[in-house]
C-alpha atoms as a PDB file:
ATOM      1  CA  MET A   1      -2.163 -13.397  -9.163  1.00  0.00           C
ATOM      2  CA  ASN A   2      -2.125  -9.896  -7.794  1.00  0.00           C
ATOM      3  CA  PRO A   3       0.751  -9.724  -5.227  1.00  0.00           C
ATOM      4  CA  TYR A   4      -1.060  -6.978  -3.341  1.00  0.00           C
ATOM      5  CA  ALA A   5      -3.979  -9.308  -2.688  1.00  0.00           C
ATOM      6  CA  LEU A   6      -1.907 -11.876  -0.834  1.00  0.00           C
ATOM      7  CA  PRO A   7      -1.482 -10.031   2.587  1.00  0.00           C
ATOM      8  CA  PRO A   8      -5.206  -9.745   3.147  1.00  0.00           C
ATOM      9  CA  LEU A   9      -5.731 -13.357   2.121  1.00  0.00           C
ATOM     10  CA  ILE A  10      -3.034 -14.727   4.377  1.00  0.00           C
ATOM     11  CA  THR A  11      -4.110 -12.556   7.291  1.00  0.00           C
ATOM     12  CA  SER A  12      -7.807 -13.472   6.890  1.00  0.00           C
ATOM     13  CA  ILE A  13      -6.884 -17.151   7.156  1.00  0.00           C
ATOM     14  CA  PHE A  14      -4.769 -16.666  10.245  1.00  0.00           C
ATOM     15  CA  VAL A  15      -7.377 -14.560  11.900  1.00  0.00           C
ATOM     16  CA  PHE A  16     -10.135 -17.010  11.214  1.00  0.00           C
ATOM     17  CA  LEU A  17      -8.033 -19.898  12.530  1.00  0.00           C
ATOM     18  CA  LEU A  18      -7.167 -17.936  15.679  1.00  0.00           C
ATOM     19  CA  GLY A  19     -10.872 -17.378  16.275  1.00  0.00           C
ATOM     20  CA  CYS A  20     -11.652 -21.086  15.733  1.00  0.00           C
ATOM     21  CA  PHE A  21      -8.817 -22.127  18.074  1.00  0.00           C
ATOM     22  CA  ALA A  22     -10.019 -19.801  20.889  1.00  0.00           C
ATOM     23  CA  PHE A  23     -13.617 -20.878  20.487  1.00  0.00           C
ATOM     24  CA  LEU A  24     -12.702 -24.545  20.542  1.00  0.00           C
ATOM     25  CA  GLN A  25     -10.850 -24.128  23.901  1.00  0.00           C
ATOM     26  CA  ASN A  26     -14.226 -23.489  25.570  1.00  0.00           C
ATOM     27  CA  ARG A  27     -17.368 -23.469  23.388  1.00  0.00           C
ATOM     28  CA  ARG A  28     -19.542 -22.507  26.274  1.00  0.00           C
ATOM     29  CA  ALA A  29     -17.730 -19.344  27.320  1.00  0.00           C
ATOM     30  CA  LYS A  30     -19.402 -16.324  26.051  1.00  0.00           C
ATOM     31  CA  PRO A  31     -16.099 -14.356  25.495  1.00  0.00           C
ATOM     32  CA  ASN A  32     -14.858 -17.151  23.296  1.00  0.00           C
ATOM     33  CA  PHE A  33     -17.962 -17.029  21.130  1.00  0.00           C
ATOM     34  CA  LEU A  34     -17.809 -13.320  20.823  1.00  0.00           C
ATOM     35  CA  PHE A  35     -14.144 -13.510  19.903  1.00  0.00           C
ATOM     36  CA  LEU A  36     -15.108 -15.925  17.223  1.00  0.00           C
ATOM     37  CA  LEU A  37     -17.660 -13.462  15.897  1.00  0.00           C
ATOM     38  CA  GLU A  38     -15.026 -10.722  15.925  1.00  0.00           C
ATOM     39  CA  THR A  39     -12.553 -12.839  13.925  1.00  0.00           C
ATOM     40  CA  ILE A  40     -15.372 -13.822  11.414  1.00  0.00           C
ATOM     41  CA  ALA A  41     -16.036 -10.116  10.868  1.00  0.00           C
ATOM     42  CA  ILE A  42     -12.342  -9.484  10.308  1.00  0.00           C
ATOM     43  CA  PHE A  43     -12.104 -12.570   8.070  1.00  0.00           C
ATOM     44  CA  LEU A  44     -15.016 -11.315   5.912  1.00  0.00           C
ATOM     45  CA  TRP A  45     -13.461  -7.821   5.613  1.00  0.00           C
ATOM     46  CA  LEU A  46      -9.962  -9.128   4.712  1.00  0.00           C
ATOM     47  CA  PHE A  47     -11.051 -11.993   2.492  1.00  0.00           C
ATOM     48  CA  SER A  48     -13.360  -9.733   0.632  1.00  0.00           C
ATOM     49  CA  ASP A  49     -10.493  -7.192   0.173  1.00  0.00           C
ATOM     50  CA  TYR A  50      -8.437 -10.033  -1.333  1.00  0.00           C
ATOM     51  CA  MET A  51     -11.154 -10.825  -3.778  1.00  0.00           C
ATOM     52  CA  MET A  52     -11.762  -7.149  -4.618  1.00  0.00           C
ATOM     53  CA  TYR A  53      -8.026  -6.617  -5.276  1.00  0.00           C
ATOM     54  CA  SER A  54      -7.894  -9.815  -7.461  1.00  0.00           C
ATOM     55  CA  THR A  55     -10.840  -9.191  -9.715  1.00  0.00           C
ATOM     56  CA  GLN A  56     -10.610  -7.521 -13.084  1.00  0.00           C
ATOM     57  CA  LEU A  57     -14.221  -6.445 -13.257  1.00  0.00           C
ATOM     58  CA  GLN A  58     -15.459  -3.235 -11.724  1.00  0.00           C
ATOM     59  CA  ASN A  59     -18.877  -4.502 -11.086  1.00  0.00           C
ATOM     60  CA  LYS A  60     -17.571  -7.614  -9.201  1.00  0.00           C
ATOM     61  CA  ALA A  61     -15.132  -5.361  -7.302  1.00  0.00           C
ATOM     62  CA  PHE A  62     -18.142  -3.171  -6.139  1.00  0.00           C
ATOM     63  CA  ILE A  63     -19.899  -6.306  -4.804  1.00  0.00           C
ATOM     64  CA  TRP A  64     -16.750  -7.420  -2.965  1.00  0.00           C
ATOM     65  CA  ALA A  65     -16.435  -3.965  -1.549  1.00  0.00           C
ATOM     66  CA  LYS A  66     -19.902  -4.181  -0.126  1.00  0.00           C
ATOM     67  CA  VAL A  67     -19.266  -7.671   1.236  1.00  0.00           C
ATOM     68  CA  SER A  68     -16.020  -6.241   2.895  1.00  0.00           C
ATOM     69  CA  TYR A  69     -17.929  -3.536   4.573  1.00  0.00           C
ATOM     70  CA  ILE A  70     -20.442  -6.067   5.994  1.00  0.00           C
ATOM     71  CA  GLY A  71     -17.510  -7.275   8.051  1.00  0.00           C
ATOM     72  CA  ALA A  72     -16.047  -3.872   8.690  1.00  0.00           C
ATOM     73  CA  ILE A  73     -19.331  -2.505  10.135  1.00  0.00           C
ATOM     74  CA  PHE A  74     -19.358  -5.182  12.730  1.00  0.00           C
ATOM     75  CA  ILE A  75     -15.777  -5.209  13.792  1.00  0.00           C
ATOM     76  CA  PRO A  76     -15.997  -2.496  16.443  1.00  0.00           C
ATOM     77  CA  VAL A  77     -19.366  -3.789  17.740  1.00  0.00           C
ATOM     78  CA  PHE A  78     -18.194  -7.324  18.216  1.00  0.00           C
ATOM     79  CA  PHE A  79     -14.911  -6.106  19.814  1.00  0.00           C
ATOM     80  CA  PHE A  80     -16.930  -3.919  22.144  1.00  0.00           C
ATOM     81  CA  HIS A  81     -19.250  -6.773  23.080  1.00  0.00           C
ATOM     82  CA  PHE A  82     -16.328  -9.258  23.455  1.00  0.00           C
ATOM     83  CA  SER A  83     -14.448  -6.745  25.760  1.00  0.00           C
ATOM     84  CA  LEU A  84     -17.495  -6.179  27.967  1.00  0.00           C
ATOM     85  CA  SER A  85     -18.017  -9.937  28.216  1.00  0.00           C
ATOM     86  CA  PHE A  86     -14.269 -10.487  28.894  1.00  0.00           C
ATOM     87  CA  LEU A  87     -14.248  -7.849  31.592  1.00  0.00           C
ATOM     88  CA  SER A  88     -17.477  -9.118  33.089  1.00  0.00           C
ATOM     89  CA  ILE A  89     -19.064  -5.667  33.237  1.00  0.00           C
ATOM     90  CA  ASN A  90     -22.700  -4.782  32.612  1.00  0.00           C
ATOM     91  CA  LYS A  91     -22.741  -1.068  32.731  1.00  0.00           C
ATOM     92  CA  PHE A  92     -22.612  -0.424  29.076  1.00  0.00           C
ATOM     93  CA  LYS A  93     -25.757  -2.192  28.084  1.00  0.00           C
ATOM     94  CA  PHE A  94     -27.310   0.879  26.350  1.00  0.00           C
ATOM     95  CA  SER A  95     -24.116   1.658  24.580  1.00  0.00           C
ATOM     96  CA  LEU A  96     -23.743  -1.913  23.415  1.00  0.00           C
ATOM     97  CA  PHE A  97     -27.439  -1.937  22.176  1.00  0.00           C
ATOM     98  CA  ALA A  98     -26.918   1.390  20.394  1.00  0.00           C
ATOM     99  CA  SER A  99     -23.791   0.157  18.734  1.00  0.00           C
ATOM    100  CA  TYR A 100     -25.638  -2.858  17.359  1.00  0.00           C
ATOM    101  CA  ILE A 101     -28.563  -0.586  16.167  1.00  0.00           C
ATOM    102  CA  LEU A 102     -26.154   1.856  14.484  1.00  0.00           C
ATOM    103  CA  GLY A 103     -24.305  -1.129  12.929  1.00  0.00           C
ATOM    104  CA  ALA A 104     -27.633  -2.428  11.559  1.00  0.00           C
ATOM    105  CA  LEU A 105     -28.460   1.035  10.208  1.00  0.00           C
ATOM    106  CA  PHE A 106     -25.145   1.223   8.332  1.00  0.00           C
ATOM    107  CA  LEU A 107     -25.698  -2.305   7.111  1.00  0.00           C
ATOM    108  CA  LEU A 108     -29.103  -1.294   5.646  1.00  0.00           C
ATOM    109  CA  SER A 109     -27.513   1.643   4.071  1.00  0.00           C
ATOM    110  CA  LEU A 110     -24.709  -0.418   2.618  1.00  0.00           C
ATOM    111  CA  LEU A 111     -27.128  -3.078   1.097  1.00  0.00           C
ATOM    112  CA  LEU A 112     -29.954  -0.613  -0.065  1.00  0.00           C
ATOM    113  CA  THR A 113     -28.113   2.489  -1.194  1.00  0.00           C
ATOM    114  CA  SER A 114     -24.850   3.799  -2.414  1.00  0.00           C
ATOM    115  CA  HIS A 115     -24.542   6.346   0.461  1.00  0.00           C
ATOM    116  CA  LEU A 116     -21.841   4.339   2.309  1.00  0.00           C
ATOM    117  CA  ILE A 117     -19.998   2.783  -0.602  1.00  0.00           C
ATOM    118  CA  ALA A 118     -20.597   4.565  -3.893  1.00  0.00           C
ATOM    119  CA  GLY A 119     -18.598   2.199  -6.133  1.00  0.00           C
ATOM    120  CA  ALA A 120     -15.098   0.715  -6.764  1.00  0.00           C
ATOM    121  CA  GLY A 121     -12.236   2.620  -8.299  1.00  0.00           C
ATOM    122  CA  LYS A 122      -9.128   1.030 -10.085  1.00  0.00           C
ATOM    123  CA  HIS A 123      -5.770   1.578  -8.471  1.00  0.00           C
ATOM    124  CA  TYR A 124      -2.401   0.085  -9.192  1.00  0.00           C
ATOM    125  CA  TRP A 125      -3.041  -2.601  -6.359  1.00  0.00           C
ATOM    126  CA  GLY A 126      -6.505  -3.397  -7.664  1.00  0.00           C
ATOM    127  CA  TYR A 127      -9.978  -2.056  -7.038  1.00  0.00           C
ATOM    128  CA  TYR A 128     -10.744  -0.149  -3.861  1.00  0.00           C
ATOM    129  CA  PRO A 129     -14.105   1.221  -2.607  1.00  0.00           C
ATOM    130  CA  LYS A 130     -15.296   4.760  -3.444  1.00  0.00           C
ATOM    131  CA  ILE A 131     -16.866   6.225  -0.398  1.00  0.00           C
ATOM    132  CA  GLY A 132     -20.223   7.818  -0.120  1.00  0.00           C
ATOM    133  CA  PHE A 133     -21.401  10.718   1.911  1.00  0.00           C
ATOM    134  CA  LEU A 134     -22.325   8.552   4.965  1.00  0.00           C
ATOM    135  CA  HIS A 135     -18.742   7.156   5.201  1.00  0.00           C
ATOM    136  CA  THR A 136     -17.641  10.107   7.387  1.00  0.00           C
ATOM    137  CA  TYR A 137     -20.471   9.175   9.855  1.00  0.00           C
ATOM    138  CA  PHE A 138     -19.433   5.548   9.613  1.00  0.00           C
ATOM    139  CA  MET A 139     -15.831   6.476  10.537  1.00  0.00           C
ATOM    140  CA  ALA A 140     -17.106   8.584  13.525  1.00  0.00           C
ATOM    141  CA  TYR A 141     -19.198   5.553  14.757  1.00  0.00           C
ATOM    142  CA  TYR A 142     -16.215   3.185  14.229  1.00  0.00           C
ATOM    143  CA  GLY A 143     -13.828   5.508  16.078  1.00  0.00           C
ATOM    144  CA  PHE A 144     -16.240   6.219  18.927  1.00  0.00           C
ATOM    145  CA  VAL A 145     -17.026   2.474  19.617  1.00  0.00           C
ATOM    146  CA  LEU A 146     -13.387   1.549  19.461  1.00  0.00           C
ATOM    147  CA  ALA A 147     -12.382   4.474  21.704  1.00  0.00           C
ATOM    148  CA  THR A 148     -15.047   3.424  24.258  1.00  0.00           C
ATOM    149  CA  THR A 149     -13.796  -0.136  24.066  1.00  0.00           C
ATOM    150  CA  PHE A 150     -10.162   0.782  24.601  1.00  0.00           C
ATOM    151  CA  SER A 151     -11.162   3.196  27.386  1.00  0.00           C
ATOM    152  CA  ALA A 152     -13.026   0.396  29.226  1.00  0.00           C
ATOM    153  CA  LEU A 153     -10.072  -2.054  28.762  1.00  0.00           C
ATOM    154  CA  TYR A 154      -7.499   0.442  29.835  1.00  0.00           C
ATOM    155  CA  SER A 155      -9.330   1.563  32.926  1.00  0.00           C
ATOM    156  CA  HIS A 156      -9.889  -2.127  34.046  1.00  0.00           C
ATOM    157  CA  SER A 157      -6.215  -2.958  33.318  1.00  0.00           C
ATOM    158  CA  LYS A 158      -5.380  -0.343  35.969  1.00  0.00           C
ATOM    159  CA  ASP A 159      -7.964  -1.571  38.504  1.00  0.00           C
ATOM    160  CA  GLN A 160      -6.086  -2.591  41.551  1.00  0.00           C
ATOM    161  CA  ALA A 161      -9.128  -4.614  42.781  1.00  0.00           C
ATOM    162  CA  ARG A 162      -8.574  -7.133  39.968  1.00  0.00           C
ATOM    163  CA  PRO A 163      -5.878  -9.783  40.519  1.00  0.00           C
ATOM    164  CA  PRO A 164      -2.533  -9.057  38.715  1.00  0.00           C
ATOM    165  CA  GLN A 165      -2.834 -12.029  36.405  1.00  0.00           C
ATOM    166  CA  GLU A 166      -6.280 -10.654  35.238  1.00  0.00           C
ATOM    167  CA  ARG A 167      -4.909  -7.184  34.735  1.00  0.00           C
ATOM    168  CA  ASN A 168      -2.157  -8.732  32.561  1.00  0.00           C
ATOM    169  CA  LYS A 169      -4.753 -10.678  30.424  1.00  0.00           C
ATOM    170  CA  ILE A 170      -6.539  -7.342  29.920  1.00  0.00           C
ATOM    171  CA  LYS A 171      -3.244  -5.716  28.805  1.00  0.00           C
ATOM    172  CA  LEU A 172      -2.752  -8.582  26.316  1.00  0.00           C
ATOM    173  CA  VAL A 173      -6.198  -7.750  24.845  1.00  0.00           C
ATOM    174  CA  LEU A 174      -5.124  -4.109  24.570  1.00  0.00           C
ATOM    175  CA  LEU A 175      -2.222  -5.148  22.432  1.00  0.00           C
END
């Protein structure tokens, strides 16, 4: 057993259980469902990293790297969608739609080409993805969606029209 593989495995399990717990508190609440999707994406990313670090075969590591990026692609989108639902705001519909479209395009690139992930390289902790030329654009997309999300959360945490308890909940999401 690769000791470097244990942290992503343990974290993936806890994140998944957290998502299930939140969802089961109120299955009909849209934010709870979106939070579950977010935790599934994180689980997929981390569990796949565990598998990638654990394998001894480069071709299997490359497959797990791609599976990992399926989760990673949708982490910012699901977090953005969850945050908009949690905040009960509708003014970012186009941005949300564009985020899903860009995520789908990165997913197609991941599945059909080697432009996002070009392979898997061996390191002392196990295999790790080799990036393709689209990875820089992927990171820009990732950063922009997360920055937009944190900006919306931050501005609403300072909104004096919201009750203090609601502002405190928003601050907890920001943590």
